[in-house]
PDB file of all heavy atoms in Angstrom:
ATOM      1  N   VAL A   1      -0.959   7.057  -0.742  1.00  0.00           N
ATOM      2  CA  VAL A   1      -2.181   7.892  -0.375  1.00  0.00           C
ATOM      3  C   VAL A   1      -2.644   7.652   1.083  1.00  0.00           C
ATOM      4  O   VAL A   1      -3.332   8.413   1.593  1.00  0.00           O
ATOM      5  CB  VAL A   1      -3.317   7.698  -1.358  1.00  0.00           C
ATOM      6  CG1 VAL A   1      -2.850   8.310  -2.705  1.00  0.00           C
ATOM      7  CG2 VAL A   1      -3.716   6.253  -1.510  1.00  0.00           C
ATOM      8  N   SER A   2      -2.176   6.409   1.616  1.00  0.00           N
ATOM      9  CA  SER A   2      -2.704   6.155   3.019  1.00  0.00           C
ATOM     10  C   SER A   2      -1.712   5.183   3.566  1.00  0.00           C
ATOM     11  O   SER A   2      -0.999   4.405   2.881  1.00  0.00           O
ATOM     12  CB  SER A   2      -4.028   5.507   2.875  1.00  0.00           C
ATOM     13  OG  SER A   2      -4.513   5.197   4.125  1.00  0.00           O
ATOM     14  N   GLU A   3      -1.564   5.234   4.929  1.00  0.00           N
ATOM     15  CA  GLU A   3      -0.684   4.396   5.679  1.00  0.00           C
ATOM     16  C   GLU A   3      -1.380   3.925   6.926  1.00  0.00           C
ATOM     17  O   GLU A   3      -1.909   4.677   7.582  1.00  0.00           O
ATOM     18  CB  GLU A   3       0.643   5.053   6.017  1.00  0.00           C
ATOM     19  CG  GLU A   3       1.478   4.135   6.789  1.00  0.00           C
ATOM     20  CD  GLU A   3       2.840   4.970   7.201  1.00  0.00           C
ATOM     21  OE1 GLU A   3       2.836   6.130   7.178  1.00  0.00           O
ATOM     22  OE2 GLU A   3       3.750   4.210   7.634  1.00  0.00           O
ATOM     23  N   SER A   4      -1.368   2.608   7.136  1.00  0.00           N
ATOM     24  CA  SER A   4      -1.828   2.004   8.390  1.00  0.00           C
ATOM     25  C   SER A   4      -0.668   1.316   9.048  1.00  0.00           C
ATOM     26  O   SER A   4       0.421   1.350   8.536  1.00  0.00           O
ATOM     27  CB  SER A   4      -3.019   1.107   8.183  1.00  0.00           C
ATOM     28  OG  SER A   4      -2.471  -0.092   7.635  1.00  0.00           O
ATOM     29  N   MET A   5      -0.861   0.628  10.222  1.00  0.00           N
ATOM     30  CA  MET A   5       0.200   0.049  10.864  1.00  0.00           C
ATOM     31  C   MET A   5       0.866  -1.062  10.078  1.00  0.00           C
ATOM     32  O   MET A   5       2.021  -1.291  10.078  1.00  0.00           O
ATOM     33  CB  MET A   5      -0.328  -0.519  12.244  1.00  0.00           C
ATOM     34  CG  MET A   5       0.901  -1.135  13.003  1.00  0.00           C
ATOM     35  SD  MET A   5       0.434  -1.930  14.510  1.00  0.00           S
ATOM     36  CE  MET A   5      -0.475  -0.683  15.448  1.00  0.00           C
ATOM     37  N   ARG A   6       0.010  -1.722   9.278  1.00  0.00           N
ATOM     38  CA  ARG A   6       0.548  -2.976   8.545  1.00  0.00           C
ATOM     39  C   ARG A   6       0.571  -2.814   7.028  1.00  0.00           C
ATOM     40  O   ARG A   6       0.996  -3.677   6.362  1.00  0.00           O
ATOM     41  CB  ARG A   6      -0.234  -4.119   8.937  1.00  0.00           C
ATOM     42  CG  ARG A   6       0.046  -4.503  10.421  1.00  0.00           C
ATOM     43  CD  ARG A   6      -0.624  -5.815  10.811  1.00  0.00           C
ATOM     44  NE  ARG A   6      -0.268  -6.316  12.086  1.00  0.00           N
ATOM     45  CZ  ARG A   6      -0.998  -6.052  13.157  1.00  0.00           C
ATOM     46  NH1 ARG A   6      -2.040  -5.484  13.158  1.00  0.00           N
ATOM     47  NH2 ARG A   6      -0.522  -6.470  14.323  1.00  0.00           N
ATOM     48  N   THR A   7      -0.031  -1.729   6.503  1.00  0.00           N
ATOM     49  CA  THR A   7      -0.191  -1.639   5.065  1.00  0.00           C
ATOM     50  C   THR A   7       0.175  -0.184   4.521  1.00  0.00           C
ATOM     51  O   THR A   7       0.026   0.813   5.254  1.00  0.00           O
ATOM     52  CB  THR A   7      -1.558  -1.959   4.490  1.00  0.00           C
ATOM     53  OG1 THR A   7      -2.457  -1.053   5.017  1.00  0.00           O
ATOM     54  CG2 THR A   7      -1.925  -3.347   4.929  1.00  0.00           C
ATOM     55  N   LEU A   8       0.487  -0.103   3.226  1.00  0.00           N
ATOM     56  CA  LEU A   8       0.538   1.148   2.587  1.00  0.00           C
ATOM     57  C   LEU A   8      -0.475   1.105   1.386  1.00  0.00           C
ATOM     58  O   LEU A   8      -0.598   0.025   0.857  1.00  0.00           O
ATOM     59  CB  LEU A   8       1.871   1.389   1.950  1.00  0.00           C
ATOM     60  CG  LEU A   8       3.106   1.815   2.793  1.00  0.00           C
ATOM     61  CD1 LEU A   8       4.380   2.011   1.961  1.00  0.00           C
ATOM     62  CD2 LEU A   8       2.889   2.981   3.691  1.00  0.00           C
ATOM     63  N   THR A   9      -1.185   2.112   1.200  1.00  0.00           N
ATOM     64  CA  THR A   9      -2.058   2.146  -0.051  1.00  0.00           C
ATOM     65  C   THR A   9      -1.438   3.060  -1.087  1.00  0.00           C
ATOM     66  O   THR A   9      -1.077   4.268  -0.653  1.00  0.00           O
ATOM     67  CB  THR A   9      -3.491   2.724   0.354  1.00  0.00           C
ATOM     68  OG1 THR A   9      -4.034   1.907   1.399  1.00  0.00           O
ATOM     69  CG2 THR A   9      -4.405   2.685  -0.844  1.00  0.00           C
ATOM     70  N   VAL A  10      -1.206   2.499  -2.158  1.00  0.00           N
ATOM     71  CA  VAL A  10      -0.463   3.189  -3.333  1.00  0.00           C
ATOM     72  C   VAL A  10      -1.429   3.387  -4.492  1.00  0.00           C
ATOM     73  O   VAL A  10      -2.118   2.573  -4.881  1.00  0.00           O
ATOM     74  CB  VAL A  10       0.778   2.329  -3.774  1.00  0.00           C
ATOM     75  CG1 VAL A  10       1.459   2.959  -4.877  1.00  0.00           C
ATOM     76  CG2 VAL A  10       1.647   1.899  -2.588  1.00  0.00           C
ATOM     77  N   ARG A  11      -1.497   4.720  -4.780  1.00  0.00           N
ATOM     78  CA  ARG A  11      -2.302   5.116  -6.024  1.00  0.00           C
ATOM     79  C   ARG A  11      -1.601   4.916  -7.206  1.00  0.00           C
ATOM     80  O   ARG A  11      -0.475   5.517  -7.477  1.00  0.00           O
ATOM     81  CB  ARG A  11      -2.789   6.547  -5.860  1.00  0.00           C
ATOM     82  CG  ARG A  11      -3.606   6.943  -7.053  1.00  0.00           C
ATOM     83  CD  ARG A  11      -4.586   7.944  -6.719  1.00  0.00           C
ATOM     84  NE  ARG A  11      -5.577   7.566  -5.723  1.00  0.00           N
ATOM     85  CZ  ARG A  11      -6.221   8.370  -4.891  1.00  0.00           C
ATOM     86  NH1 ARG A  11      -5.935   9.673  -4.783  1.00  0.00           N
ATOM     87  NH2 ARG A  11      -7.018   7.935  -4.050  1.00  0.00           N
ATOM     88  N   THR A  12      -1.980   3.970  -8.028  1.00  0.00           N
ATOM     89  CA  THR A  12      -1.387   3.627  -9.379  1.00  0.00           C
ATOM     90  C   THR A  12      -2.229   4.086 -10.518  1.00  0.00           C
ATOM     91  O   THR A  12      -3.348   4.563 -10.318  1.00  0.00           O
ATOM     92  CB  THR A  12      -1.128   2.164  -9.437  1.00  0.00           C
ATOM     93  OG1 THR A  12      -2.429   1.503  -9.645  1.00  0.00           O
ATOM     94  CG2 THR A  12      -0.335   1.578  -8.269  1.00  0.00           C
ATOM     95  N   ALA A  13      -1.736   3.902 -11.679  1.00  0.00           N
ATOM     96  CA  ALA A  13      -2.556   4.230 -12.912  1.00  0.00           C
ATOM     97  C   ALA A  13      -3.813   3.347 -12.912  1.00  0.00           C
ATOM     98  O   ALA A  13      -4.806   3.734 -13.534  1.00  0.00           O
ATOM     99  CB  ALA A  13      -1.735   4.092 -14.211  1.00  0.00           C
ATOM    100  N   ARG A  14      -3.744   2.244 -12.287  1.00  0.00           N
ATOM    101  CA  ARG A  14      -4.914   1.319 -12.326  1.00  0.00           C
ATOM    102  C   ARG A  14      -5.743   1.265 -11.101  1.00  0.00           C
ATOM    103  O   ARG A  14      -6.520   0.391 -10.813  1.00  0.00           O
ATOM    104  CB  ARG A  14      -4.388  -0.198 -12.536  1.00  0.00           C
ATOM    105  CG  ARG A  14      -3.775  -0.296 -13.942  1.00  0.00           C
ATOM    106  CD  ARG A  14      -3.252  -1.714 -14.050  1.00  0.00           C
ATOM    107  NE  ARG A  14      -3.410  -2.045 -15.468  1.00  0.00           N
ATOM    108  CZ  ARG A  14      -3.511  -3.263 -15.936  1.00  0.00           C
ATOM    109  NH1 ARG A  14      -3.570  -4.283 -15.073  1.00  0.00           N
ATOM    110  NH2 ARG A  14      -3.585  -3.484 -17.127  1.00  0.00           N
ATOM    111  N   GLY A  15      -5.546   2.304 -10.278  1.00  0.00           N
ATOM    112  CA  GLY A  15      -6.345   2.454  -9.109  1.00  0.00           C
ATOM    113  C   GLY A  15      -5.483   2.339  -7.807  1.00  0.00           C
ATOM    114  O   GLY A  15      -4.349   2.173  -7.916  1.00  0.00           O
ATOM    115  N   ASP A  16      -6.128   2.335  -6.616  1.00  0.00           N
ATOM    116  CA  ASP A  16      -5.404   2.126  -5.412  1.00  0.00           C
ATOM    117  C   ASP A  16      -5.215   0.771  -5.026  1.00  0.00           C
ATOM    118  O   ASP A  16      -6.101  -0.070  -5.173  1.00  0.00           O
ATOM    119  CB  ASP A  16      -6.262   2.873  -4.316  1.00  0.00           C
ATOM    120  CG  ASP A  16      -6.369   4.293  -4.353  1.00  0.00           C
ATOM    121  OD1 ASP A  16      -5.721   4.966  -5.236  1.00  0.00           O
ATOM    122  OD2 ASP A  16      -7.113   4.911  -3.559  1.00  0.00           O
ATOM    123  N   LYS A  17      -3.962   0.456  -4.592  1.00  0.00           N
ATOM    124  CA  LYS A  17      -3.591  -0.949  -4.232  1.00  0.00           C
ATOM    125  C   LYS A  17      -3.059  -0.893  -2.802  1.00  0.00           C
ATOM    126  O   LYS A  17      -2.252  -0.123  -2.440  1.00  0.00           O
ATOM    127  CB  LYS A  17      -2.401  -1.413  -5.119  1.00  0.00           C
ATOM    128  CG  LYS A  17      -2.766  -1.369  -6.718  1.00  0.00           C
ATOM    129  CD  LYS A  17      -3.815  -2.161  -7.036  1.00  0.00           C
ATOM    130  CE  LYS A  17      -4.134  -2.073  -8.577  1.00  0.00           C
ATOM    131  NZ  LYS A  17      -5.260  -2.712  -9.091  1.00  0.00           N
ATOM    132  N   ARG A  18      -3.578  -1.854  -1.969  1.00  0.00           N
ATOM    133  CA  ARG A  18      -3.054  -1.908  -0.634  1.00  0.00           C
ATOM    134  C   ARG A  18      -1.989  -2.986  -0.574  1.00  0.00           C
ATOM    135  O   ARG A  18      -2.104  -4.096  -1.063  1.00  0.00           O
ATOM    136  CB  ARG A  18      -4.212  -2.442   0.246  1.00  0.00           C
ATOM    137  CG  ARG A  18      -3.785  -2.410   1.701  1.00  0.00           C
ATOM    138  CD  ARG A  18      -5.013  -2.559   2.591  1.00  0.00           C
ATOM    139  NE  ARG A  18      -5.798  -1.374   2.588  1.00  0.00           N
ATOM    140  CZ  ARG A  18      -7.049  -1.216   2.810  1.00  0.00           C
ATOM    141  NH1 ARG A  18      -7.694  -2.360   3.249  1.00  0.00           N
ATOM    142  NH2 ARG A  18      -7.689  -0.172   2.824  1.00  0.00           N
ATOM    143  N   VAL A  19      -0.822  -2.587  -0.040  1.00  0.00           N
ATOM    144  CA  VAL A  19       0.348  -3.462  -0.055  1.00  0.00           C
ATOM    145  C   VAL A  19       0.822  -3.722   1.424  1.00  0.00           C
ATOM    146  O   VAL A  19       0.960  -2.716   2.204  1.00  0.00           O
ATOM    147  CB  VAL A  19       1.549  -2.827  -0.828  1.00  0.00           C
ATOM    148  CG1 VAL A  19       2.695  -3.684  -0.741  1.00  0.00           C
ATOM    149  CG2 VAL A  19       1.111  -2.422  -2.258  1.00  0.00           C
ATOM    150  N   PRO A  20       0.940  -4.944   1.864  1.00  0.00           N
ATOM    151  CA  PRO A  20       1.373  -5.257   3.255  1.00  0.00           C
ATOM    152  C   PRO A  20       2.843  -4.669   3.379  1.00  0.00           C
ATOM    153  O   PRO A  20       3.640  -4.872   2.555  1.00  0.00           O
ATOM    154  CB  PRO A  20       1.261  -6.685   3.462  1.00  0.00           C
ATOM    155  CG  PRO A  20       1.289  -7.207   2.062  1.00  0.00           C
ATOM    156  CD  PRO A  20       0.703  -6.155   1.147  1.00  0.00           C
ATOM    157  N   LYS A  21       3.136  -4.219   4.602  1.00  0.00           N
ATOM    158  CA  LYS A  21       4.470  -3.722   4.887  1.00  0.00           C
ATOM    159  C   LYS A  21       5.472  -4.924   5.131  1.00  0.00           C
ATOM    160  O   LYS A  21       6.575  -4.952   4.670  1.00  0.00           O
ATOM    161  CB  LYS A  21       4.517  -2.777   6.100  1.00  0.00           C
ATOM    162  CG  LYS A  21       3.897  -1.441   5.762  1.00  0.00           C
ATOM    163  CD  LYS A  21       3.891  -0.590   7.120  1.00  0.00           C
ATOM    164  CE  LYS A  21       3.342   0.687   6.891  1.00  0.00           C
ATOM    165  NZ  LYS A  21       3.353   1.486   8.148  1.00  0.00           N
ATOM    166  N   GLU A  22       4.954  -5.814   5.949  1.00  0.00           N
ATOM    167  CA  GLU A  22       5.705  -6.982   6.256  1.00  0.00           C
ATOM    168  C   GLU A  22       5.997  -7.871   5.032  1.00  0.00           C
ATOM    169  O   GLU A  22       5.213  -8.090   4.234  1.00  0.00           O
ATOM    170  CB  GLU A  22       4.974  -7.852   7.260  1.00  0.00           C
ATOM    171  CG  GLU A  22       5.846  -9.008   7.821  1.00  0.00           C
ATOM    172  CD  GLU A  22       5.221  -9.706   8.901  1.00  0.00           C
ATOM    173  OE1 GLU A  22       4.216  -9.221   9.521  1.00  0.00           O
ATOM    174  OE2 GLU A  22       5.624 -10.760   9.334  1.00  0.00           O
ATOM    175  N   GLY A  23       7.336  -8.186   4.895  1.00  0.00           N
ATOM    176  CA  GLY A  23       7.815  -8.968   3.771  1.00  0.00           C
ATOM    177  C   GLY A  23       7.902  -8.228   2.481  1.00  0.00           C
ATOM    178  O   GLY A  23       8.153  -8.829   1.402  1.00  0.00           O
ATOM    179  N   THR A  24       7.857  -6.823   2.497  1.00  0.00           N
ATOM    180  CA  THR A  24       7.939  -6.125   1.301  1.00  0.00           C
ATOM    181  C   THR A  24       9.027  -5.087   1.366  1.00  0.00           C
ATOM    182  O   THR A  24       9.261  -4.521   2.469  1.00  0.00           O
ATOM    183  CB  THR A  24       6.539  -5.278   1.065  1.00  0.00           C
ATOM    184  OG1 THR A  24       5.433  -6.176   1.165  1.00  0.00           O
ATOM    185  CG2 THR A  24       6.470  -4.524  -0.236  1.00  0.00           C
ATOM    186  N   THR A  25       9.700  -4.911   0.257  1.00  0.00           N
ATOM    187  CA  THR A  25      10.724  -3.864   0.221  1.00  0.00           C
ATOM    188  C   THR A  25      10.357  -2.666  -0.698  1.00  0.00           C
ATOM    189  O   THR A  25       9.951  -2.952  -1.821  1.00  0.00           O
ATOM    190  CB  THR A  25      12.137  -4.462  -0.306  1.00  0.00           C
ATOM    191  OG1 THR A  25      12.532  -5.482   0.527  1.00  0.00           O
ATOM    192  CG2 THR A  25      13.138  -3.407  -0.471  1.00  0.00           C
TER     193      THR A  25
END
């Protein structure tokens, strides 16, 4: 639902979660 330089915000069944891009696949 949103993207910044270092994170993605993912809308899940339990709400929005911010996930760092670095170190994540």
